[in-house]
């Protein structure tokens, strides 16, 4: 992520209709975003081209507690 000083939010389900809207609003506000998605194909290219979105592929239900803790670390909101 290019703007390391901006706050970071974690969005689960970012490729869904509501998730995409939330990601767009967070990026528009200057936040960095970590997005957990089952398929990165559902993430619009405009999001990933901004450099402030990190896409994490996988189901949140399949992530270990340690994986979730790692993804949540440093986030101001989930």
PDB file of N, CA and C in Angstrom:
ATOM      1  N   UNK A   1       0.840  -1.162   0.000  1.00  0.00           N
ATOM      2  CA  UNK A   1       0.000   0.000   0.000  1.00  0.00           C
ATOM      3  C   UNK A   1       0.891   1.232   0.000  1.00  0.00           C
ATOM      4  N   UNK A   2       0.575   2.159  -0.803  1.00  0.00           N
ATOM      5  CA  UNK A   2       1.458   3.295  -0.978  1.00  0.00           C
ATOM      6  C   UNK A   2       1.334   4.342   0.117  1.00  0.00           C
ATOM      7  N   UNK A   3       0.178   4.509   0.722  1.00  0.00           N
ATOM      8  CA  UNK A   3      -0.022   5.533   1.735  1.00  0.00           C
ATOM      9  C   UNK A   3       0.037   4.891   3.106  1.00  0.00           C
ATOM     10  N   UNK A   4       1.252   4.657   3.601  1.00  0.00           N
ATOM     11  CA  UNK A   4       1.426   3.905   4.834  1.00  0.00           C
ATOM     12  C   UNK A   4       0.965   4.673   6.056  1.00  0.00           C
ATOM     13  N   UNK A   5       0.777   5.992   5.967  1.00  0.00           N
ATOM     14  CA  UNK A   5       0.367   6.791   7.113  1.00  0.00           C
ATOM     15  C   UNK A   5      -1.146   6.826   7.274  1.00  0.00           C
ATOM     16  N   UNK A   6      -1.898   6.412   6.284  1.00  0.00           N
ATOM     17  CA  UNK A   6      -3.353   6.416   6.364  1.00  0.00           C
ATOM     18  C   UNK A   6      -3.820   5.251   7.218  1.00  0.00           C
ATOM     19  N   UNK A   7      -4.960   5.438   7.850  1.00  0.00           N
ATOM     20  CA  UNK A   7      -5.572   4.366   8.630  1.00  0.00           C
ATOM     21  C   UNK A   7      -5.957   3.227   7.693  1.00  0.00           C
ATOM     22  N   UNK A   8      -6.046   2.031   8.256  1.00  0.00           N
ATOM     23  CA  UNK A   8      -6.393   0.843   7.473  1.00  0.00           C
ATOM     24  C   UNK A   8      -7.656   0.215   8.026  1.00  0.00           C
ATOM     25  N   UNK A   9      -8.556  -0.191   7.129  1.00  0.00           N
ATOM     26  CA  UNK A   9      -9.776  -0.891   7.492  1.00  0.00           C
ATOM     27  C   UNK A   9      -9.769  -2.263   6.817  1.00  0.00           C
ATOM     28  N   UNK A  10     -10.321  -3.260   7.489  1.00  0.00           N
ATOM     29  CA  UNK A  10     -10.458  -4.601   6.931  1.00  0.00           C
ATOM     30  C   UNK A  10     -11.919  -4.809   6.555  1.00  0.00           C
ATOM     31  N   UNK A  11     -12.158  -5.211   5.309  1.00  0.00           N
ATOM     32  CA  UNK A  11     -13.523  -5.463   4.833  1.00  0.00           C
ATOM     33  C   UNK A  11     -13.622  -6.925   4.437  1.00  0.00           C
ATOM     34  N   UNK A  12     -14.567  -7.618   5.046  1.00  0.00           N
ATOM     35  CA  UNK A  12     -14.842  -9.014   4.703  1.00  0.00           C
ATOM     36  C   UNK A  12     -16.018  -9.021   3.731  1.00  0.00           C
ATOM     37  N   UNK A  13     -15.889  -9.753   2.639  1.00  0.00           N
ATOM     38  CA  UNK A  13     -16.955  -9.779   1.641  1.00  0.00           C
ATOM     39  C   UNK A  13     -16.920  -8.562   0.729  1.00  0.00           C
ATOM     40  N   UNK A  14     -15.725  -8.096   0.423  1.00  0.00           N
ATOM     41  CA  UNK A  14     -15.568  -6.867  -0.343  1.00  0.00           C
ATOM     42  C   UNK A  14     -15.996  -6.981  -1.798  1.00  0.00           C
ATOM     43  N   UNK A  15     -16.189  -8.179  -2.301  1.00  0.00           N
ATOM     44  CA  UNK A  15     -16.595  -8.316  -3.700  1.00  0.00           C
ATOM     45  C   UNK A  15     -18.108  -8.369  -3.866  1.00  0.00           C
ATOM     46  N   UNK A  16     -18.851  -8.386  -2.758  1.00  0.00           N
ATOM     47  CA  UNK A  16     -20.308  -8.351  -2.828  1.00  0.00           C
ATOM     48  C   UNK A  16     -20.801  -6.936  -3.099  1.00  0.00           C
ATOM     49  N   UNK A  17     -22.093  -6.797  -3.338  1.00  0.00           N
ATOM     50  CA  UNK A  17     -22.663  -5.488  -3.685  1.00  0.00           C
ATOM     51  C   UNK A  17     -22.409  -4.453  -2.595  1.00  0.00           C
ATOM     52  N   UNK A  18     -22.691  -4.787  -1.350  1.00  0.00           N
ATOM     53  CA  UNK A  18     -22.484  -3.854  -0.243  1.00  0.00           C
ATOM     54  C   UNK A  18     -21.003  -3.663   0.025  1.00  0.00           C
ATOM     55  N   UNK A  19     -20.242  -4.736  -0.023  1.00  0.00           N
ATOM     56  CA  UNK A  19     -18.805  -4.659   0.221  1.00  0.00           C
ATOM     57  C   UNK A  19     -18.096  -3.757  -0.763  1.00  0.00           C
ATOM     58  N   UNK A  20     -18.467  -3.839  -2.039  1.00  0.00           N
ATOM     59  CA  UNK A  20     -17.849  -2.974  -3.052  1.00  0.00           C
ATOM     60  C   UNK A  20     -18.119  -1.503  -2.758  1.00  0.00           C
ATOM     61  N   UNK A  21     -19.355  -1.195  -2.354  1.00  0.00           N
ATOM     62  CA  UNK A  21     -19.697   0.187  -2.021  1.00  0.00           C
ATOM     63  C   UNK A  21     -18.890   0.675  -0.816  1.00  0.00           C
ATOM     64  N   UNK A  22     -18.753  -0.184   0.189  1.00  0.00           N
ATOM     65  CA  UNK A  22     -17.990   0.174   1.375  1.00  0.00           C
ATOM     66  C   UNK A  22     -16.520   0.405   1.031  1.00  0.00           C
ATOM     67  N   UNK A  23     -15.939  -0.485   0.240  1.00  0.00           N
ATOM     68  CA  UNK A  23     -14.540  -0.326  -0.167  1.00  0.00           C
ATOM     69  C   UNK A  23     -14.363   0.998  -0.904  1.00  0.00           C
ATOM     70  N   UNK A  24     -15.260   1.323  -1.805  1.00  0.00           N
ATOM     71  CA  UNK A  24     -15.165   2.571  -2.557  1.00  0.00           C
ATOM     72  C   UNK A  24     -15.213   3.773  -1.616  1.00  0.00           C
ATOM     73  N   UNK A  25     -16.115   3.755  -0.649  1.00  0.00           N
ATOM     74  CA  UNK A  25     -16.226   4.872   0.295  1.00  0.00           C
ATOM     75  C   UNK A  25     -14.966   5.011   1.134  1.00  0.00           C
ATOM     76  N   UNK A  26     -14.412   3.892   1.588  1.00  0.00           N
ATOM     77  CA  UNK A  26     -13.192   3.936   2.399  1.00  0.00           C
ATOM     78  C   UNK A  26     -12.014   4.483   1.587  1.00  0.00           C
ATOM     79  N   UNK A  27     -11.875   4.009   0.360  1.00  0.00           N
ATOM     80  CA  UNK A  27     -10.801   4.498  -0.502  1.00  0.00           C
ATOM     81  C   UNK A  27     -10.983   5.988  -0.810  1.00  0.00           C
ATOM     82  N   UNK A  28     -12.231   6.399  -1.058  1.00  0.00           N
ATOM     83  CA  UNK A  28     -12.513   7.813  -1.332  1.00  0.00           C
ATOM     84  C   UNK A  28     -12.143   8.697  -0.146  1.00  0.00           C
ATOM     85  N   UNK A  29     -12.217   8.132   1.060  1.00  0.00           N
ATOM     86  CA  UNK A  29     -11.872   8.890   2.274  1.00  0.00           C
ATOM     87  C   UNK A  29     -10.377   8.829   2.590  1.00  0.00           C
ATOM     88  N   UNK A  30      -9.615   8.148   1.728  1.00  0.00           N
ATOM     89  CA  UNK A  30      -8.172   8.118   1.892  1.00  0.00           C
ATOM     90  C   UNK A  30      -7.638   7.004   2.764  1.00  0.00           C
ATOM     91  N   UNK A  31      -8.480   6.053   3.143  1.00  0.00           N
ATOM     92  CA  UNK A  31      -8.017   4.937   3.956  1.00  0.00           C
ATOM     93  C   UNK A  31      -7.366   3.865   3.096  1.00  0.00           C
ATOM     94  N   UNK A  32      -6.480   3.117   3.710  1.00  0.00           N
ATOM     95  CA  UNK A  32      -5.987   1.886   3.114  1.00  0.00           C
ATOM     96  C   UNK A  32      -7.016   0.815   3.445  1.00  0.00           C
ATOM     97  N   UNK A  33      -7.177  -0.160   2.562  1.00  0.00           N
ATOM     98  CA  UNK A  33      -8.178  -1.198   2.768  1.00  0.00           C
ATOM     99  C   UNK A  33      -7.555  -2.564   2.544  1.00  0.00           C
ATOM    100  N   UNK A  34      -7.804  -3.472   3.495  1.00  0.00           N
ATOM    101  CA  UNK A  34      -7.518  -4.889   3.319  1.00  0.00           C
ATOM    102  C   UNK A  34      -8.868  -5.539   3.052  1.00  0.00           C
ATOM    103  N   UNK A  35      -8.970  -6.310   1.983  1.00  0.00           N
ATOM    104  CA  UNK A  35     -10.239  -6.911   1.601  1.00  0.00           C
ATOM    105  C   UNK A  35     -10.105  -8.421   1.523  1.00  0.00           C
ATOM    106  N   UNK A  36     -10.921  -9.123   2.302  1.00  0.00           N
ATOM    107  CA  UNK A  36     -10.952 -10.582   2.226  1.00  0.00           C
ATOM    108  C   UNK A  36     -12.090 -10.960   1.285  1.00  0.00           C
ATOM    109  N   UNK A  37     -11.736 -11.667   0.207  1.00  0.00           N
ATOM    110  CA  UNK A  37     -12.734 -12.085  -0.791  1.00  0.00           C
ATOM    111  C   UNK A  37     -12.503 -13.547  -1.156  1.00  0.00           C
ATOM    112  N   UNK A  38     -13.584 -14.225  -1.488  1.00  0.00           N
ATOM    113  CA  UNK A  38     -13.434 -15.616  -1.942  1.00  0.00           C
ATOM    114  C   UNK A  38     -12.816 -15.665  -3.321  1.00  0.00           C
ATOM    115  N   UNK A  39     -13.181 -14.697  -4.166  1.00  0.00           N
ATOM    116  CA  UNK A  39     -12.639 -14.650  -5.522  1.00  0.00           C
ATOM    117  C   UNK A  39     -12.251 -13.216  -5.857  1.00  0.00           C
ATOM    118  N   UNK A  40     -10.985 -12.983  -6.194  1.00  0.00           N
ATOM    119  CA  UNK A  40     -10.577 -11.616  -6.542  1.00  0.00           C
ATOM    120  C   UNK A  40     -11.187 -11.126  -7.853  1.00  0.00           C
ATOM    121  N   UNK A  41     -11.818 -12.016  -8.610  1.00  0.00           N
ATOM    122  CA  UNK A  41     -12.450 -11.623  -9.871  1.00  0.00           C
ATOM    123  C   UNK A  41     -13.592 -10.632  -9.644  1.00  0.00           C
ATOM    124  N   UNK A  42     -14.172 -10.637  -8.450  1.00  0.00           N
ATOM    125  CA  UNK A  42     -15.279  -9.734  -8.153  1.00  0.00           C
ATOM    126  C   UNK A  42     -14.845  -8.355  -7.705  1.00  0.00           C
ATOM    127  N   UNK A  43     -13.536  -8.128  -7.589  1.00  0.00           N
ATOM    128  CA  UNK A  43     -13.023  -6.832  -7.139  1.00  0.00           C
ATOM    129  C   UNK A  43     -12.749  -5.967  -8.372  1.00  0.00           C
ATOM    130  N   UNK A  44     -13.444  -4.849  -8.491  1.00  0.00           N
ATOM    131  CA  UNK A  44     -13.224  -3.983  -9.660  1.00  0.00           C
ATOM    132  C   UNK A  44     -11.770  -3.542  -9.782  1.00  0.00           C
ATOM    133  N   UNK A  45     -11.258  -3.524 -10.982  1.00  0.00           N
ATOM    134  CA  UNK A  45      -9.877  -3.139 -11.244  1.00  0.00           C
ATOM    135  C   UNK A  45      -9.555  -1.728 -10.794  1.00  0.00           C
ATOM    136  N   UNK A  46     -10.545  -0.862 -10.786  1.00  0.00           N
ATOM    137  CA  UNK A  46     -10.305   0.519 -10.361  1.00  0.00           C
ATOM    138  C   UNK A  46      -9.850   0.559  -8.909  1.00  0.00           C
ATOM    139  N   UNK A  47     -10.319  -0.381  -8.097  1.00  0.00           N
ATOM    140  CA  UNK A  47      -9.905  -0.424  -6.697  1.00  0.00           C
ATOM    141  C   UNK A  47      -8.438  -0.799  -6.583  1.00  0.00           C
ATOM    142  N   UNK A  48      -8.057  -1.849  -7.270  1.00  0.00           N
ATOM    143  CA  UNK A  48      -6.694  -2.356  -7.132  1.00  0.00           C
ATOM    144  C   UNK A  48      -5.674  -1.420  -7.768  1.00  0.00           C
ATOM    145  N   UNK A  49      -6.100  -0.602  -8.703  1.00  0.00           N
ATOM    146  CA  UNK A  49      -5.169   0.314  -9.360  1.00  0.00           C
ATOM    147  C   UNK A  49      -4.812   1.508  -8.480  1.00  0.00           C
ATOM    148  N   UNK A  50      -5.548   1.711  -7.395  1.00  0.00           N
ATOM    149  CA  UNK A  50      -5.298   2.858  -6.521  1.00  0.00           C
ATOM    150  C   UNK A  50      -4.102   2.628  -5.595  1.00  0.00           C
ATOM    151  N   UNK A  51      -3.665   1.401  -5.428  1.00  0.00           N
ATOM    152  CA  UNK A  51      -2.496   1.124  -4.613  1.00  0.00           C
ATOM    153  C   UNK A  51      -2.741   1.125  -3.116  1.00  0.00           C
ATOM    154  N   UNK A  52      -3.973   1.352  -2.691  1.00  0.00           N
ATOM    155  CA  UNK A  52      -4.279   1.354  -1.266  1.00  0.00           C
ATOM    156  C   UNK A  52      -5.164   0.183  -0.870  1.00  0.00           C
ATOM    157  N   UNK A  53      -5.318  -0.767  -1.785  1.00  0.00           N
ATOM    158  CA  UNK A  53      -6.148  -1.937  -1.515  1.00  0.00           C
ATOM    159  C   UNK A  53      -5.301  -3.195  -1.575  1.00  0.00           C
ATOM    160  N   UNK A  54      -5.340  -3.968  -0.493  1.00  0.00           N
ATOM    161  CA  UNK A  54      -4.689  -5.273  -0.452  1.00  0.00           C
ATOM    162  C   UNK A  54      -5.786  -6.326  -0.472  1.00  0.00           C
ATOM    163  N   UNK A  55      -5.796  -7.159  -1.499  1.00  0.00           N
ATOM    164  CA  UNK A  55      -6.814  -8.198  -1.645  1.00  0.00           C
ATOM    165  C   UNK A  55      -6.274  -9.503  -1.066  1.00  0.00           C
ATOM    166  N   UNK A  56      -7.030 -10.079  -0.152  1.00  0.00           N
ATOM    167  CA  UNK A  56      -6.681 -11.346   0.497  1.00  0.00           C
ATOM    168  C   UNK A  56      -7.705 -12.365   0.034  1.00  0.00           C
ATOM    169  N   UNK A  57      -7.249 -13.363  -0.717  1.00  0.00           N
ATOM    170  CA  UNK A  57      -8.179 -14.351  -1.261  1.00  0.00           C
ATOM    171  C   UNK A  57      -8.376 -15.481  -0.269  1.00  0.00           C
ATOM    172  N   UNK A  58      -9.638 -15.779   0.023  1.00  0.00           N
ATOM    173  CA  UNK A  58      -9.978 -16.891   0.896  1.00  0.00           C
ATOM    174  C   UNK A  58     -11.306 -16.644   1.572  1.00  0.00           C
ATOM    175  N   UNK A  59     -11.834 -17.685   2.142  1.00  0.00           N
ATOM    176  CA  UNK A  59     -13.062 -17.575   2.917  1.00  0.00           C
ATOM    177  C   UNK A  59     -12.693 -17.273   4.352  1.00  0.00           C
ATOM    178  N   UNK A  60     -13.352 -16.298   4.936  1.00  0.00           N
ATOM    179  CA  UNK A  60     -13.061 -15.948   6.326  1.00  0.00           C
ATOM    180  C   UNK A  60     -13.296 -17.149   7.249  1.00  0.00           C
ATOM    181  N   UNK A  61     -14.199 -18.031   6.862  1.00  0.00           N
ATOM    182  CA  UNK A  61     -14.479 -19.218   7.675  1.00  0.00           C
ATOM    183  C   UNK A  61     -13.341 -20.224   7.650  1.00  0.00           C
ATOM    184  N   UNK A  62     -12.498 -20.161   6.623  1.00  0.00           N
ATOM    185  CA  UNK A  62     -11.380 -21.092   6.493  1.00  0.00           C
ATOM    186  C   UNK A  62     -10.078 -20.557   7.076  1.00  0.00           C
ATOM    187  N   UNK A  63     -10.055 -19.290   7.464  1.00  0.00           N
ATOM    188  CA  UNK A  63      -8.841 -18.702   8.011  1.00  0.00           C
ATOM    189  C   UNK A  63      -8.656 -19.115   9.470  1.00  0.00           C
ATOM    190  N   UNK A  64      -7.426 -19.370   9.853  1.00  0.00           N
ATOM    191  CA  UNK A  64      -7.136 -19.720  11.241  1.00  0.00           C
ATOM    192  C   UNK A  64      -7.232 -18.467  12.111  1.00  0.00           C
ATOM    193  N   UNK A  65      -7.284 -18.676  13.418  1.00  0.00           N
ATOM    194  CA  UNK A  65      -7.295 -17.543  14.342  1.00  0.00           C
ATOM    195  C   UNK A  65      -6.046 -16.686  14.150  1.00  0.00           C
ATOM    196  N   UNK A  66      -4.917 -17.342  13.930  1.00  0.00           N
ATOM    197  CA  UNK A  66      -3.659 -16.616  13.727  1.00  0.00           C
ATOM    198  C   UNK A  66      -3.711 -15.791  12.445  1.00  0.00           C
ATOM    199  N   UNK A  67      -4.280 -16.362  11.373  1.00  0.00           N
ATOM    200  CA  UNK A  67      -4.409 -15.623  10.109  1.00  0.00           C
ATOM    201  C   UNK A  67      -5.299 -14.394  10.304  1.00  0.00           C
ATOM    202  N   UNK A  68      -6.439 -14.595  10.979  1.00  0.00           N
ATOM    203  CA  UNK A  68      -7.345 -13.468  11.206  1.00  0.00           C
ATOM    204  C   UNK A  68      -6.678 -12.386  12.048  1.00  0.00           C
ATOM    205  N   UNK A  69      -5.959 -12.802  13.079  1.00  0.00           N
ATOM    206  CA  UNK A  69      -5.255 -11.837  13.928  1.00  0.00           C
ATOM    207  C   UNK A  69      -4.234 -11.043  13.121  1.00  0.00           C
ATOM    208  N   UNK A  70      -3.556 -11.707  12.204  1.00  0.00           N
ATOM    209  CA  UNK A  70      -2.577 -11.025  11.344  1.00  0.00           C
ATOM    210  C   UNK A  70      -3.252  -9.998  10.444  1.00  0.00           C
ATOM    211  N   UNK A  71      -4.414 -10.362   9.868  1.00  0.00           N
ATOM    212  CA  UNK A  71      -5.109  -9.457   8.960  1.00  0.00           C
ATOM    213  C   UNK A  71      -5.724  -8.272   9.708  1.00  0.00           C
ATOM    214  N   UNK A  72      -6.171  -8.501  10.922  1.00  0.00           N
ATOM    215  CA  UNK A  72      -6.787  -7.447  11.712  1.00  0.00           C
ATOM    216  C   UNK A  72      -5.749  -6.495  12.312  1.00  0.00           C
ATOM    217  N   UNK A  73      -4.535  -6.982  12.506  1.00  0.00           N
ATOM    218  CA  UNK A  73      -3.484  -6.170  13.130  1.00  0.00           C
ATOM    219  C   UNK A  73      -3.297  -4.859  12.375  1.00  0.00           C
ATOM    220  N   UNK A  74      -3.307  -3.772  13.109  1.00  0.00           N
ATOM    221  CA  UNK A  74      -3.089  -2.460  12.517  1.00  0.00           C
ATOM    222  C   UNK A  74      -4.320  -1.822  11.912  1.00  0.00           C
ATOM    223  N   UNK A  75      -5.440  -2.507  11.946  1.00  0.00           N
ATOM    224  CA  UNK A  75      -6.670  -1.945  11.371  1.00  0.00           C
ATOM    225  C   UNK A  75      -7.426  -1.118  12.422  1.00  0.00           C
ATOM    226  N   UNK A  76      -7.978  -0.008  11.989  1.00  0.00           N
ATOM    227  CA  UNK A  76      -8.774   0.835  12.878  1.00  0.00           C
ATOM    228  C   UNK A  76     -10.239   0.418  12.865  1.00  0.00           C
ATOM    229  N   UNK A  77     -10.638  -0.370  11.883  1.00  0.00           N
ATOM    230  CA  UNK A  77     -12.011  -0.837  11.772  1.00  0.00           C
ATOM    231  C   UNK A  77     -12.041  -2.146  11.000  1.00  0.00           C
ATOM    232  N   UNK A  78     -13.028  -2.969  11.355  1.00  0.00           N
ATOM    233  CA  UNK A  78     -13.238  -4.243  10.656  1.00  0.00           C
ATOM    234  C   UNK A  78     -14.691  -4.326  10.268  1.00  0.00           C
TER     235      UNK A  78
END
